[in-house]
Each structure stands twice: as C-alpha cells, then as structure tokens.
Amino acid sequence: MKVDTKKYFAALFIFCATVIAMAIHDYKQGDQVLFETVAKSLLIFMGALPFMLLYRNILSRKVADLSEKMDIQNEKLYETTNLLEEKVEEKTKELIDEGFQDPLTHLPNRHRLVFDMDRYAYHALIIIHLQNFKELNRFFGNQIGNSLLQQFGLWLERMNYNAYRLGTYEFALLVKEAQSSSELETYCKEFAHALDEHSFAAGMEKVSLLVNMGVDMGDNLSLAHADTALQLAIEMSQTFVVYEAHEQEDSKQSLNIKTAKNIREAFHAGRIICYYQPIISTKTGDIEKYETLARLIDTDATIIPPHDFLDIAQKTRLYPNITQEIVAQACETFKNRKESFTVHLCALDITDHSTIHSIEEMIVSTNTADRIIFELSEQDIYEHYIPMSLFMQHIKRLGAKIAIDNFGSSYSNFDKIMHLEIDYLKIDGALINKIMHSQRHTKIIQTIASFADAIGAKAIAENVETAEILEQVTAIGIRFAQGYYIGKPGPCCFE
C-alpha cells in the first residue's frame, strides 16, 4: 500500500482554490460576514496543513511497514506452500510405490503388472508356479519359506528378467522382444535350465526350486489365458505350456461339462460303485483289510477310475451324495464280515456337516464303527488341521480308526502327525516302488516305519507290485501291504 502524494496535493489545491473563489465571489457581493467566515476557515485550514502533512507522513510510513510485513508473510506462505506440495508429491509417490510393490520380495506386484500391460507393448506373458514351494515351506517353516521367496526374487532381478510377484508362490515375467513360438519355447527352456542350475539356501541346507509355466503370447496378452496354460502345465506335469487361442480353454470346459453330466447320470443310474483291494498282514499273509475305491461304470461298460472323475465331481453339488453313497455301500458290504475296511475322505467331506452326520448314522446302524478306517490325505491335514483333528477326535470316540494316505509323498511334518491319534500310516507307493533300486529310499521307508511304531501306529506299504518288494517291506518290519502283486481292486475280490 502506498499514499499517492500528487493526488493528495492536487485535491488540497482544488479545495483551497474553491474556498478562495467563493470568498472573492462573496466579497464582490458585499457579504462581509460570509467573507470573514471563509477567511477565518481558510486561515485555520492553512494552520492545520503542516499537521496534516505530518500525519500523512506517519501514515505513509506505517502503511509501508505493514506492506513490507505482508510481503514477508506472503513469501513465507509461498515457501510453506511449495514445501507442502513437495511433501504431498513425495508421499503420493511413496503410496503409489507401496501399492505397486510386493512387501516381501520388493518386486512389482500384480497391480503393477496390470498397469504395465495396459500402457506398454509386450510380446509374451509368462506365469511361474513354484511347484515344490508348498512342500518346502511345510518342511522348513514359514521363516525359511519367506527367505526362499526373497532369494528367488533376487535371482530373477540378477538374471535381468522383467519379473513380478503375483501371489504366495506365483511370479510373472513380461517379455518385450518379439519372438517366434520356437524362440519363446527356447526362452522358457533356458529359464528352467538356469533355475535348475541354481540352488537356494534353506537354513543349513541347499534346495532347488521346480517350476511350471503358463505362457500367453501375441498382441493382446491376458492373465486369464496364461493362467489357463499354467493349470494345464500343472495337470500334465510339464515345465511349460503355451496358450493356443480359444480352442484350449473351450475344449477343456467342454470336457468338464461332459464329464459332470456323465457323473450325474451315472449316480442316478446306480453306476458309481465300490471296488475293494485286499490288504494283507506281512506276518501271516492273510487278508485282514480292504481298501474301498470308487469306480464309475460308463454306459459302454468302461470302468473309469476315481482320478478321472472325482476331481470334477468335487466341483459339483452332487459330490456329498457320492461320498455318502460310497460309505453306505462299503458299510453294507462289511456289516456281516470280520475284516476291516478303509474309506477315503477329503477336506470337502470333513467340512460338510450333512456328510459327517450321514456317515455317523451309517457306521452305527451297520455296526461297523470298530472296523472302518478313514483315510485322510497328508496335504488335507496340513491345510485344514483344526477341522481334521476335531473330526479324528470325534470319530475315534465312536470306535473308528484313522489312516494317513500316501505318507511320505511330500515333506512330511512328523511333529504335527505325532500330536494326532493316528492308527495307520500308508507309505506312498512312489517310495515303495523304488525300494529295490535306491538305498536312500529304503532308509526313508525304514524311518517312516520306525516313526509309525514310535507313535503307536501301523505302517501299510502301498503299490507292492512284486514278490521281491513284498519280501523287502516285510524284512523292514512293515506290518501290512497292498498292491497288484497281492490283489487288484474288484467288486467282489473277497468272495
């Protein structure tokens, strides 16, 4: 703010001139009194003029001081505003980085992958599934499991892969350079080979990470297509599968729909039946138990094994009815026999209250509670430990027994098993098949057999295919055995 001095004196001059003009005019009119009054006023005004000028200077200085202070405050406000803008911009960048970054491996995450795919051109998308990570994590624990994921992320960065982390044990690569199908296959093979050559630290041990890969290539990359290819690679136990247009997904969906329809028709027609495979005592050679196995009889009399239809059946609402039917058939078959019999249950069965209630009623009404053995998978126990352990406690109070199926197929957690009241450990057939050719596998089997004895359980050797294998498992001290050498599954194998 500033006082305009020129305008101030101009206004003062006009005022004085006006007063003088009025005085002269009144004087000529002879109005002596008025002239005297104006003259006095003019004299008073002229006397007050120095004081007015002094006041004007004081006011001008105050206005100047105030203006200077306001300029200083405006400058400080400007600096503060700039600082706040920088802080906001910095914090916004941090939040964006956090939202786009995996906190464990510090690799870009799924959100960043989608962001990059939307804005930049890439030739191929590869989803990587760490095939054996779940088993390693169970065996070594979460702390070492997290360390393995971090090491794998660092390895991807050192190898200069454009890598992202999608989930617990899934990663992704984006390939920018245009490649033919054969070149991309070579790229995947070289990746798998380089990974196979590298070992990772798991505590004091060195381990390898195995992968399955799903690949989508072309102009319109899709996470869904790459994931479809990945699932096929996992199912077919292949290192990688390249997605091929829509035929791959459509044919798989069509097959699933056809199989689900076939299962429904077979169930209602009574064509889902039980087969039974004998289990002998290695001491006496007598058949003491039977394993119950589901079979679907197709319309052309083809016998379909469980692994070809039960996985799809589990995705339908009909599955609980299938389980209840299998248990009912088995209980009815053995209600008047002395042998024990096993029935497989999965996590879906254990967590379905209607299925458990139906099973209880059947084993009580057929008086088979003291002879039925429920086989549970090792994986289901680890993934659903609380409901599984509660089921075991409850069903054992009724007199039933518990077996763990395929024990030793992965990195078994002996500590958890030790805290459960297990009656039987069924040693995985993949281990038993190698007993004649691998001293290492023989020692593993001996360890499992000794562990079974230590917790008061009995070991059962699966997949006994030859007399030599039977002799070997007997020598180790395994109490029971089953397999094609002893007897194949059949509808009436005990008659």
Protein backbone atom coordinates (compact mmCIF):
# COMPACT_ATOMS: atom_id res chain seq x y z
CA MET A 1 0.00 0.00 0.00
CA LYS A 2 1.28 3.50 -0.92
CA VAL A 3 -0.08 7.08 -0.49
CA ASP A 4 -0.30 8.97 -3.84
CA THR A 5 1.37 12.36 -2.98
CA LYS A 6 0.47 14.06 -6.29
CA LYS A 7 -3.23 13.32 -5.89
CA TYR A 8 -3.07 14.43 -2.25
CA PHE A 9 -1.70 17.91 -3.11
CA ALA A 10 -3.95 18.24 -6.18
CA ALA A 11 -7.02 17.68 -4.02
CA LEU A 12 -5.69 20.15 -1.45
CA PHE A 13 -5.05 22.77 -4.16
CA ILE A 14 -8.55 22.36 -5.61
CA PHE A 15 -10.06 22.74 -2.13
CA CYS A 16 -8.11 25.91 -1.41
CA ALA A 17 -8.87 27.38 -4.81
CA THR A 18 -12.56 26.68 -4.32
CA VAL A 19 -12.60 28.37 -0.91
CA ILE A 20 -10.72 31.41 -2.29
CA ALA A 21 -13.06 31.65 -5.28
CA MET A 22 -16.10 31.52 -3.00
CA ALA A 23 -14.59 34.20 -0.79
CA ILE A 24 -13.87 36.51 -3.74
CA HIS A 25 -17.34 35.98 -5.09
CA ASP A 26 -18.99 36.69 -1.76
CA TYR A 27 -16.79 39.73 -1.31
CA LYS A 28 -17.94 41.23 -4.55
CA GLN A 29 -21.49 40.69 -3.41
CA GLY A 30 -20.76 42.69 -0.37
CA ASP A 31 -21.43 39.93 2.09
CA GLN A 32 -18.77 40.96 4.57
CA VAL A 33 -19.75 38.46 7.21
CA LEU A 34 -19.54 35.48 4.90
CA PHE A 35 -16.19 36.64 3.60
CA GLU A 36 -14.81 36.93 7.08
CA THR A 37 -16.08 33.45 7.95
CA VAL A 38 -14.47 31.92 4.88
CA ALA A 39 -11.27 33.81 5.50
CA LYS A 40 -11.12 32.52 9.05
CA SER A 41 -11.77 28.99 7.84
CA LEU A 42 -9.01 29.32 5.30
CA LEU A 43 -6.60 30.57 7.91
CA ILE A 44 -7.49 27.67 10.23
CA PHE A 45 -7.05 25.23 7.40
CA MET A 46 -3.68 26.66 6.41
CA GLY A 47 -2.60 26.45 10.03
CA ALA A 48 -3.67 22.79 10.20
CA LEU A 49 -1.94 21.94 6.94
CA PRO A 50 1.53 21.19 8.46
CA PHE A 51 -0.06 18.84 10.96
CA MET A 52 -1.99 17.11 8.16
CA LEU A 53 1.24 16.70 6.22
CA LEU A 54 2.96 15.26 9.30
CA TYR A 55 0.09 12.84 9.83
CA ARG A 56 0.29 11.89 6.16
CA ASN A 57 4.00 11.03 6.51
CA ILE A 58 3.42 8.98 9.65
CA LEU A 59 0.55 7.14 7.97
CA SER A 60 2.66 6.55 4.89
CA ARG A 61 5.47 5.02 6.97
CA LYS A 62 3.03 2.74 8.82
CA VAL A 63 1.49 1.65 5.53
CA ALA A 64 4.96 0.95 4.16
CA ASP A 65 5.88 -1.11 7.24
CA LEU A 66 2.63 -3.04 7.04
CA SER A 67 3.17 -3.64 3.32
CA GLU A 68 6.71 -4.94 4.00
CA LYS A 69 5.43 -7.30 6.68
CA MET A 70 2.72 -8.57 4.34
CA ASP A 71 5.33 -9.19 1.64
CA ILE A 72 7.43 -11.16 4.15
CA GLN A 73 4.39 -13.19 5.22
CA ASN A 74 3.43 -13.82 1.59
CA GLU A 75 6.94 -15.02 0.89
CA LYS A 76 6.83 -17.36 3.89
CA LEU A 77 3.40 -18.61 2.84
CA TYR A 78 4.71 -19.24 -0.67
CA GLU A 79 7.68 -21.18 0.71
CA THR A 80 5.40 -23.20 3.03
CA THR A 81 3.02 -23.96 0.15
CA ASN A 82 5.89 -25.17 -2.04
CA LEU A 83 7.20 -27.33 0.81
CA LEU A 84 3.75 -28.84 1.41
CA GLU A 85 3.34 -29.52 -2.30
CA GLU A 86 6.71 -31.31 -2.34
CA LYS A 87 5.78 -33.36 0.73
CA VAL A 88 2.39 -34.29 -0.73
CA GLU A 89 4.00 -35.25 -4.04
CA GLU A 90 6.67 -37.30 -2.23
CA LYS A 91 4.09 -39.08 -0.02
CA THR A 92 1.83 -39.74 -3.00
CA LYS A 93 4.76 -41.31 -4.84
CA GLU A 94 5.54 -43.46 -1.78
CA LEU A 95 1.91 -44.64 -1.57
CA ILE A 96 1.85 -45.42 -5.29
CA ASP A 97 5.13 -47.34 -4.98
CA GLU A 98 3.77 -49.29 -1.99
CA GLY A 99 0.58 -50.11 -3.88
CA PHE A 100 2.64 -51.36 -6.83
CA GLN A 101 5.29 -53.26 -4.86
CA ASP A 102 5.34 -56.64 -3.11
CA PRO A 103 6.48 -56.01 0.51
CA LEU A 104 8.36 -59.32 0.86
CA THR A 105 10.40 -59.55 -2.35
CA HIS A 106 10.21 -55.83 -3.31
CA LEU A 107 9.31 -56.92 -6.84
CA PRO A 108 6.45 -55.17 -8.65
CA ASN A 109 3.14 -56.79 -7.77
CA ARG A 110 0.04 -57.89 -9.70
CA HIS A 111 -1.36 -54.32 -9.79
CA ARG A 112 1.83 -53.08 -11.40
CA LEU A 113 1.76 -55.94 -13.89
CA VAL A 114 -1.77 -55.00 -15.00
CA PHE A 115 -0.73 -51.31 -15.09
CA ASP A 116 2.29 -52.06 -17.30
CA MET A 117 0.34 -54.40 -19.60
CA ASP A 118 -2.26 -51.68 -20.18
CA ARG A 119 0.27 -48.98 -21.06
CA TYR A 120 3.17 -50.69 -22.78
CA ALA A 121 3.57 -53.23 -25.56
CA TYR A 122 4.91 -56.66 -24.62
CA HIS A 123 5.25 -59.80 -26.70
CA ALA A 124 4.69 -62.50 -24.09
CA LEU A 125 3.44 -63.05 -20.55
CA ILE A 126 4.75 -65.99 -18.50
CA ILE A 127 3.20 -67.02 -15.17
CA ILE A 128 5.57 -69.06 -12.99
CA HIS A 129 4.28 -71.51 -10.36
CA LEU A 130 6.84 -72.69 -7.78
CA GLN A 131 5.91 -76.35 -7.95
CA ASN A 132 7.59 -77.56 -4.77
CA PHE A 133 7.41 -74.43 -2.63
CA LYS A 134 4.40 -75.55 -0.59
CA GLU A 135 6.20 -78.74 0.47
CA LEU A 136 9.43 -76.87 1.24
CA ASN A 137 7.51 -74.31 3.29
CA ARG A 138 5.83 -77.05 5.33
CA PHE A 139 9.07 -78.88 5.91
CA PHE A 140 11.32 -75.92 6.80
CA GLY A 141 8.72 -73.49 8.19
CA ASN A 142 7.40 -70.08 7.16
CA GLN A 143 10.54 -68.13 8.02
CA ILE A 144 12.74 -70.13 5.67
CA GLY A 145 9.87 -70.22 3.16
CA ASN A 146 9.81 -66.41 3.08
CA SER A 147 13.59 -66.41 2.70
CA LEU A 148 13.31 -68.73 -0.31
CA LEU A 149 10.80 -66.37 -1.94
CA GLN A 150 13.13 -63.42 -1.34
CA GLN A 151 16.09 -65.35 -2.77
CA PHE A 152 14.07 -66.30 -5.83
CA GLY A 153 13.07 -62.65 -6.34
CA LEU A 154 16.71 -61.57 -6.12
CA TRP A 155 17.71 -64.29 -8.56
CA LEU A 156 15.13 -63.03 -11.07
CA GLU A 157 16.49 -59.50 -10.75
CA ARG A 158 20.12 -60.63 -11.11
CA MET A 159 19.17 -62.58 -14.23
CA ASN A 160 17.63 -59.35 -15.63
CA TYR A 161 14.15 -60.80 -16.01
CA ASN A 162 11.28 -58.32 -16.08
CA ALA A 163 9.70 -60.01 -13.06
CA TYR A 164 6.61 -59.52 -10.89
CA ARG A 165 5.21 -61.36 -7.87
CA LEU A 166 1.55 -62.35 -8.24
CA GLY A 167 0.81 -64.43 -5.15
CA THR A 168 2.30 -66.69 -2.49
CA TYR A 169 4.24 -68.89 -4.90
CA GLU A 170 3.39 -67.40 -8.28
CA PHE A 171 5.51 -64.94 -10.22
CA ALA A 172 5.29 -63.46 -13.73
CA LEU A 173 7.65 -62.37 -16.48
CA LEU A 174 6.92 -59.88 -19.26
CA VAL A 175 8.90 -60.37 -22.47
CA LYS A 176 9.28 -57.24 -24.57
CA GLU A 177 11.28 -58.54 -27.53
CA ALA A 178 9.24 -60.06 -30.36
CA GLN A 179 9.90 -63.80 -30.65
CA SER A 180 8.58 -66.69 -32.67
CA SER A 181 6.89 -69.62 -30.93
CA SER A 182 10.05 -71.72 -31.14
CA GLU A 183 12.18 -68.86 -29.79
CA LEU A 184 9.78 -68.38 -26.88
CA GLU A 185 9.89 -72.11 -26.11
CA THR A 186 13.71 -71.89 -26.09
CA TYR A 187 13.41 -68.90 -23.75
CA CYS A 188 11.31 -70.97 -21.31
CA LYS A 189 13.66 -73.95 -21.51
CA GLU A 190 16.68 -71.75 -20.85
CA PHE A 191 14.89 -70.19 -17.87
CA ALA A 192 14.09 -73.63 -16.39
CA HIS A 193 17.65 -74.84 -17.03
CA ALA A 194 19.20 -71.76 -15.40
CA LEU A 195 16.94 -72.20 -12.37
CA ASP A 196 17.80 -75.89 -12.15
CA GLU A 197 21.50 -75.00 -12.07
CA HIS A 198 20.97 -72.63 -9.14
CA SER A 199 20.46 -73.73 -5.52
CA PHE A 200 18.86 -71.72 -2.72
CA ALA A 201 19.68 -71.70 0.98
CA ALA A 202 17.11 -73.27 3.30
CA GLY A 203 18.81 -72.85 6.65
CA MET A 204 21.88 -75.06 6.51
CA GLU A 205 20.53 -76.99 3.53
CA LYS A 206 20.62 -76.28 -0.21
CA VAL A 207 17.41 -76.81 -2.19
CA SER A 208 16.26 -76.42 -5.78
CA LEU A 209 13.05 -74.74 -6.88
CA LEU A 210 10.94 -76.52 -9.50
CA VAL A 211 8.54 -74.60 -11.73
CA ASN A 212 5.56 -74.92 -14.03
CA MET A 213 4.97 -72.10 -16.50
CA GLY A 214 1.94 -70.89 -18.43
CA VAL A 215 2.67 -68.71 -21.46
CA ASP A 216 0.50 -66.31 -23.46
CA MET A 217 1.94 -64.54 -26.49
CA GLY A 218 0.72 -62.07 -29.10
CA ASP A 219 -0.69 -58.55 -29.23
CA ASN A 220 -3.45 -58.96 -26.61
CA LEU A 221 -1.84 -60.58 -23.60
CA SER A 222 -4.19 -61.97 -20.97
CA LEU A 223 -3.57 -63.12 -17.41
CA ALA A 224 -6.53 -65.49 -17.77
CA HIS A 225 -5.00 -67.16 -20.84
CA ALA A 226 -1.59 -67.52 -19.21
CA ASP A 227 -3.25 -68.96 -16.09
CA THR A 228 -5.21 -71.46 -18.20
CA ALA A 229 -1.95 -72.60 -19.80
CA LEU A 230 -0.34 -72.81 -16.34
CA GLN A 231 -3.10 -75.04 -14.96
CA LEU A 232 -2.69 -77.33 -17.93
CA ALA A 233 1.09 -77.45 -17.36
CA ILE A 234 0.48 -78.42 -13.72
CA GLU A 235 -2.07 -81.10 -14.62
CA MET A 236 0.20 -82.56 -17.32
CA SER A 237 3.36 -82.23 -15.17
CA GLN A 238 5.06 -80.20 -17.89
CA THR A 239 7.59 -77.43 -17.39
CA PHE A 240 5.63 -75.03 -19.58
CA VAL A 241 2.58 -74.84 -21.85
CA VAL A 242 1.87 -72.10 -24.41
CA TYR A 243 -1.74 -70.97 -24.66
CA GLU A 244 -3.21 -71.63 -28.09
CA ALA A 245 -6.09 -69.28 -28.90
CA HIS A 246 -9.53 -70.23 -27.54
CA GLU A 247 -9.56 -73.88 -28.52
CA GLN A 248 -7.55 -74.90 -25.49
CA GLU A 249 -9.90 -73.33 -22.95
CA ASP A 250 -13.08 -74.22 -24.82
CA SER A 251 -12.12 -77.88 -25.23
CA LYS A 252 -11.25 -78.19 -21.53
CA GLN A 253 -14.52 -76.57 -20.47
CA SER A 254 -16.47 -78.79 -22.84
CA LEU A 255 -14.76 -81.88 -21.42
CA ASN A 256 -15.54 -80.78 -17.86
CA ILE A 257 -19.20 -80.18 -18.71
CA LYS A 258 -19.45 -83.54 -20.45
CA THR A 259 -17.79 -85.35 -17.52
CA ALA A 260 -20.03 -83.62 -14.95
CA LYS A 261 -23.11 -84.67 -16.92
CA ASN A 262 -21.80 -88.24 -17.15
CA ILE A 263 -21.21 -88.31 -13.36
CA ARG A 264 -24.74 -87.10 -12.66
CA GLU A 265 -26.30 -89.69 -14.95
CA ALA A 266 -24.12 -92.47 -13.55
CA PHE A 267 -25.00 -91.59 -9.96
CA HIS A 268 -28.73 -91.57 -10.57
CA ALA A 269 -28.47 -94.82 -12.55
CA GLY A 270 -26.51 -96.55 -9.77
CA ARG A 271 -23.34 -96.82 -11.88
CA ILE A 272 -20.99 -95.39 -9.23
CA ILE A 273 -19.93 -98.43 -7.25
CA CYS A 274 -17.25 -99.65 -4.86
CA TYR A 275 -14.23 -101.74 -5.73
CA TYR A 276 -12.16 -103.31 -2.97
CA GLN A 277 -8.42 -104.03 -2.86
CA PRO A 278 -7.06 -106.53 -0.30
CA ILE A 279 -4.51 -105.56 2.36
CA ILE A 280 -2.55 -108.45 3.86
CA SER A 281 -0.60 -108.97 7.03
CA THR A 282 3.06 -109.36 6.13
CA LYS A 283 3.47 -111.76 9.07
CA THR A 284 0.72 -114.23 8.20
CA GLY A 285 -0.10 -113.41 4.57
CA ASP A 286 -3.80 -113.31 5.48
CA ILE A 287 -6.15 -110.67 4.15
CA GLU A 288 -7.15 -108.54 7.13
CA LYS A 289 -8.41 -105.37 5.47
CA TYR A 290 -9.74 -103.96 2.23
CA GLU A 291 -9.36 -100.51 0.72
CA THR A 292 -12.58 -99.09 -0.72
CA LEU A 293 -12.14 -97.46 -4.13
CA ALA A 294 -14.80 -95.63 -6.15
CA ARG A 295 -15.46 -96.61 -9.76
CA LEU A 296 -17.77 -95.14 -12.40
CA ILE A 297 -19.21 -97.61 -14.87
CA ASP A 298 -19.77 -95.83 -18.18
CA THR A 299 -22.69 -96.59 -20.50
CA ASP A 300 -20.42 -98.76 -22.66
CA ALA A 301 -19.30 -100.72 -19.55
CA THR A 302 -15.93 -98.91 -19.40
CA ILE A 303 -14.63 -98.77 -15.85
CA ILE A 304 -13.47 -95.24 -15.00
CA PRO A 305 -11.02 -94.85 -12.06
CA PRO A 306 -11.58 -92.14 -9.40
CA HIS A 307 -8.84 -89.76 -10.54
CA ASP A 308 -10.67 -89.37 -13.87
CA PHE A 309 -13.95 -88.17 -12.36
CA LEU A 310 -13.75 -87.34 -8.64
CA ASP A 311 -11.87 -84.04 -9.11
CA ILE A 312 -14.66 -82.77 -11.34
CA ALA A 313 -17.30 -84.31 -9.09
CA GLN A 314 -15.93 -82.26 -6.18
CA LYS A 315 -16.83 -79.09 -8.08
CA THR A 316 -20.49 -80.10 -8.31
CA ARG A 317 -23.27 -80.08 -5.71
CA LEU A 318 -23.63 -83.82 -6.25
CA TYR A 319 -20.30 -84.64 -4.58
CA PRO A 320 -21.58 -85.04 -0.96
CA ASN A 321 -24.13 -87.55 -2.23
CA ILE A 322 -21.37 -89.54 -3.97
CA THR A 323 -19.32 -89.72 -0.76
CA GLN A 324 -22.34 -90.81 1.25
CA GLU A 325 -23.19 -93.47 -1.36
CA ILE A 326 -19.65 -94.90 -1.30
CA VAL A 327 -19.62 -95.08 2.51
CA ALA A 328 -23.12 -96.63 2.54
CA GLN A 329 -22.11 -99.32 0.02
CA ALA A 330 -18.93 -100.15 1.95
CA CYS A 331 -20.71 -100.34 5.32
CA GLU A 332 -23.43 -102.55 3.86
CA THR A 333 -20.80 -104.84 2.31
CA PHE A 334 -18.81 -105.31 5.52
CA LYS A 335 -21.54 -105.23 8.16
CA ASN A 336 -21.52 -109.04 8.37
CA ARG A 337 -17.79 -109.58 7.76
CA LYS A 338 -14.84 -109.65 10.15
CA GLU A 339 -12.32 -107.71 8.02
CA SER A 340 -11.64 -104.01 8.46
CA PHE A 341 -12.14 -101.66 5.52
CA THR A 342 -10.88 -98.21 4.58
CA VAL A 343 -12.80 -95.31 3.05
CA HIS A 344 -11.21 -92.16 1.64
CA LEU A 345 -12.43 -88.75 2.86
CA CYS A 346 -11.20 -85.35 1.75
CA ALA A 347 -11.41 -81.89 3.29
CA LEU A 348 -14.70 -81.22 1.48
CA ASP A 349 -16.21 -84.25 3.22
CA ILE A 350 -14.89 -83.32 6.65
CA THR A 351 -16.22 -79.76 6.46
CA ASP A 352 -19.68 -80.84 5.22
CA HIS A 353 -21.88 -81.38 8.27
CA SER A 354 -24.54 -83.37 6.41
CA THR A 355 -21.90 -85.81 5.12
CA ILE A 356 -20.38 -86.35 8.59
CA HIS A 357 -23.84 -86.80 10.15
CA SER A 358 -24.79 -89.33 7.45
CA ILE A 359 -21.51 -91.25 7.97
CA GLU A 360 -22.10 -91.44 11.72
CA GLU A 361 -25.60 -92.82 11.21
CA MET A 362 -24.37 -95.44 8.71
CA ILE A 363 -21.49 -96.81 10.79
CA VAL A 364 -23.73 -97.02 13.86
CA SER A 365 -26.68 -98.62 12.08
CA THR A 366 -24.46 -101.23 10.32
CA ASN A 367 -22.36 -101.83 13.45
CA THR A 368 -19.15 -101.21 11.51
CA ALA A 369 -17.68 -98.37 13.60
CA ASP A 370 -14.99 -100.62 15.08
CA ARG A 371 -13.88 -101.88 11.65
CA ILE A 372 -14.00 -98.82 9.45
CA ILE A 373 -10.76 -96.89 8.81
CA PHE A 374 -10.99 -93.37 7.40
CA GLU A 375 -8.11 -92.50 5.07
CA LEU A 376 -7.15 -88.81 5.09
CA SER A 377 -4.50 -87.23 2.89
CA GLU A 378 -1.41 -85.72 4.45
CA GLN A 379 -1.94 -82.50 2.48
CA ASP A 380 -5.53 -82.06 3.70
CA ILE A 381 -4.42 -82.49 7.31
CA TYR A 382 -1.83 -79.71 6.96
CA GLU A 383 -4.14 -77.34 5.11
CA HIS A 384 -7.20 -77.97 7.33
CA TYR A 385 -5.52 -79.02 10.56
CA ILE A 386 -8.19 -77.89 13.06
CA PRO A 387 -11.31 -79.38 11.37
CA MET A 388 -9.36 -82.54 10.55
CA SER A 389 -8.12 -83.01 14.13
CA LEU A 390 -11.63 -82.36 15.52
CA PHE A 391 -13.08 -84.94 13.14
CA MET A 392 -10.46 -87.50 14.20
CA GLN A 393 -11.21 -86.99 17.88
CA HIS A 394 -14.95 -87.28 17.32
CA ILE A 395 -14.92 -90.31 15.02
CA LYS A 396 -12.45 -92.22 17.19
CA ARG A 397 -14.81 -91.88 20.14
CA LEU A 398 -17.25 -93.95 18.08
CA GLY A 399 -14.59 -96.66 17.69
CA ALA A 400 -13.42 -95.85 14.14
CA LYS A 401 -9.75 -95.64 13.15
CA ILE A 402 -7.68 -93.15 11.15
CA ALA A 403 -5.08 -93.70 8.43
CA ILE A 404 -2.93 -91.14 6.64
CA ASP A 405 -2.80 -91.90 2.92
CA ASN A 406 0.33 -91.52 0.73
CA PHE A 407 2.53 -90.66 3.70
CA GLY A 408 5.97 -89.57 2.55
CA SER A 409 4.82 -88.24 -0.81
CA SER A 410 5.97 -84.75 0.24
CA TYR A 411 7.99 -83.17 3.04
CA SER A 412 6.09 -84.80 5.89
CA ASN A 413 5.73 -82.88 9.10
CA PHE A 414 6.43 -85.52 11.74
CA ASP A 415 5.77 -83.12 14.60
CA LYS A 416 2.15 -82.48 13.61
CA ILE A 417 1.47 -86.16 12.94
CA MET A 418 2.89 -87.03 16.34
CA HIS A 419 0.20 -84.93 18.04
CA LEU A 420 -2.65 -86.75 16.28
CA GLU A 421 -4.01 -90.16 17.26
CA ILE A 422 -3.17 -91.99 14.04
CA ASP A 423 -3.77 -95.74 13.71
CA TYR A 424 -2.15 -96.37 10.30
CA LEU A 425 0.44 -94.71 8.06
CA LYS A 426 0.10 -95.76 4.43
CA ILE A 427 3.56 -95.34 2.89
CA ASP A 428 3.35 -93.71 -0.53
CA GLY A 429 3.62 -96.11 -3.47
CA ALA A 430 6.19 -93.91 -5.23
CA LEU A 431 8.61 -94.65 -2.37
CA ILE A 432 7.76 -98.36 -2.23
CA ASN A 433 8.37 -98.77 -5.98
CA LYS A 434 11.98 -97.57 -5.55
CA ILE A 435 12.82 -99.76 -2.58
CA MET A 436 14.68 -102.32 -4.71
CA HIS A 437 16.76 -99.75 -6.58
CA SER A 438 17.59 -96.98 -4.11
CA GLN A 439 19.27 -97.32 -0.74
CA ARG A 440 18.22 -93.76 0.04
CA HIS A 441 14.54 -94.58 -0.45
CA THR A 442 14.94 -97.74 1.61
CA LYS A 443 16.25 -95.64 4.51
CA ILE A 444 13.32 -93.21 4.17
CA ILE A 445 10.87 -96.12 4.31
CA GLN A 446 12.65 -97.56 7.35
CA THR A 447 12.43 -94.14 9.04
CA ILE A 448 8.68 -93.92 8.36
CA ALA A 449 8.13 -97.48 9.64
CA SER A 450 10.09 -96.69 12.82
CA PHE A 451 8.16 -93.44 13.25
CA ALA A 452 4.87 -95.35 12.92
CA ASP A 453 5.95 -97.74 15.68
CA ALA A 454 7.04 -94.83 17.86
CA ILE A 455 3.60 -93.16 17.75
CA GLY A 456 1.72 -96.44 18.14
CA ALA A 457 0.58 -96.66 14.52
CA LYS A 458 0.99 -99.47 11.98
CA ALA A 459 2.62 -98.95 8.59
CA ILE A 460 0.97 -100.13 5.36
CA ALA A 461 3.07 -100.41 2.19
CA GLU A 462 1.18 -99.32 -0.95
CA ASN A 463 1.86 -100.39 -4.56
CA VAL A 464 3.54 -103.69 -3.75
CA GLU A 465 3.96 -104.96 -7.31
CA THR A 466 6.38 -107.89 -6.98
CA ALA A 467 7.34 -110.69 -4.61
CA GLU A 468 10.73 -109.03 -4.10
CA ILE A 469 9.14 -105.78 -2.92
CA LEU A 470 6.86 -107.71 -0.56
CA GLU A 471 9.86 -109.56 0.85
CA GLN A 472 11.76 -106.31 1.34
CA VAL A 473 8.94 -104.43 3.12
CA THR A 474 8.40 -107.48 5.33
CA ALA A 475 12.09 -107.51 6.25
CA ILE A 476 11.93 -103.81 7.17
CA GLY A 477 9.13 -104.59 9.59
CA ILE A 478 6.15 -103.05 7.81
CA ARG A 479 3.03 -104.74 9.19
CA PHE A 480 0.68 -104.58 6.18
CA ALA A 481 0.94 -104.45 2.38
CA GLN A 482 -1.29 -103.93 -0.64
CA GLY A 483 -0.72 -103.76 -4.38
CA TYR A 484 -1.27 -105.60 -7.65
CA TYR A 485 1.00 -108.46 -6.59
CA ILE A 486 -1.29 -109.11 -3.63
CA GLY A 487 -4.57 -108.41 -5.41
CA LYS A 488 -6.17 -105.97 -7.85
CA PRO A 489 -9.24 -103.93 -6.93
CA GLY A 490 -12.52 -105.58 -7.80
CA PRO A 491 -16.22 -105.51 -6.89
CA CYS A 492 -16.09 -108.94 -5.19
CA CYS A 493 -12.42 -109.60 -4.57
CA PHE A 494 -13.05 -111.10 -1.13
CA GLU A 495 -15.52 -113.80 -2.21
